[in-house]
Amino acid sequence: MPPRATFTRLGRGATLGRPGDAAQQRRVLDATLALLAQSAPVEPVQLAESME
C-alpha cells in the first residue's frame, strides 16, 4: 500500500478530471494534496469524481 493515495473513477489520461473542467480538476488536486498534511501511511482515499 502506498503511503498516501487517492483513487477516482476517472479514465486514463484524465487523472485530475474532465478536460476543461477546472472545478473538478481543482477538487481532485486539493483532495490529493490534503493528504500531505497527514502523517503517512494513511488509508487510500476514494473520491466520488467520475467522467459523468
Protein backbone atom coordinates (compact mmCIF):
# COMPACT_ATOMS: atom_id res chain seq x y z
CA MET A 1 0.00 0.00 0.00
CA PRO A 2 1.42 3.41 -0.90
CA PRO A 3 1.90 5.85 1.99
CA ARG A 4 -0.74 8.19 0.51
CA ALA A 5 -3.09 7.64 -2.43
CA THR A 6 -6.29 8.92 -3.99
CA PHE A 7 -8.41 6.92 -6.39
CA THR A 8 -11.17 8.11 -8.73
CA ARG A 9 -13.41 6.67 -11.42
CA LEU A 10 -11.80 8.95 -13.98
CA GLY A 11 -10.41 7.41 -17.15
CA ARG A 12 -6.82 7.16 -18.25
CA GLY A 13 -5.48 10.44 -19.47
CA ALA A 14 -7.90 12.36 -17.27
CA THR A 15 -6.43 11.57 -13.86
CA LEU A 16 -7.30 15.02 -12.50
CA GLY A 17 -10.73 15.34 -14.15
CA ARG A 18 -12.59 16.01 -17.35
CA PRO A 19 -10.72 18.11 -19.90
CA GLY A 20 -11.70 21.76 -19.47
CA ASP A 21 -13.43 21.18 -16.11
CA ALA A 22 -11.22 23.33 -13.90
CA ALA A 23 -13.53 22.97 -10.87
CA GLN A 24 -13.35 19.17 -10.91
CA GLN A 25 -9.61 19.19 -11.52
CA ARG A 26 -9.15 21.53 -8.56
CA ARG A 27 -11.25 19.29 -6.27
CA VAL A 28 -9.16 16.23 -7.15
CA LEU A 29 -5.89 18.11 -6.76
CA ASP A 30 -6.93 19.70 -3.44
CA ALA A 31 -8.03 16.34 -2.00
CA THR A 32 -4.77 14.73 -3.08
CA LEU A 33 -2.57 17.50 -1.72
CA ALA A 34 -4.50 17.50 1.58
CA LEU A 35 -3.11 14.01 2.22
CA LEU A 36 0.35 15.52 2.55
CA ALA A 37 -0.76 17.27 5.74
CA GLN A 38 -1.36 13.87 7.35
CA SER A 39 1.28 11.56 8.75
CA ALA A 40 1.94 8.64 6.45
CA PRO A 41 0.76 5.99 5.97
CA VAL A 42 -2.93 6.77 5.68
CA GLU A 43 -5.71 4.72 4.15
CA PRO A 44 -6.22 5.35 0.41
CA VAL A 45 -8.93 7.91 -0.35
CA GLN A 46 -11.65 7.03 -2.88
CA LEU A 47 -13.04 10.22 -4.43
CA ALA A 48 -16.53 10.23 -5.92
CA GLU A 49 -15.34 12.06 -9.05
CA SER A 50 -16.19 10.47 -12.39
CA MET A 51 -16.35 11.36 -16.07
CA GLU A 52 -20.14 11.59 -15.96
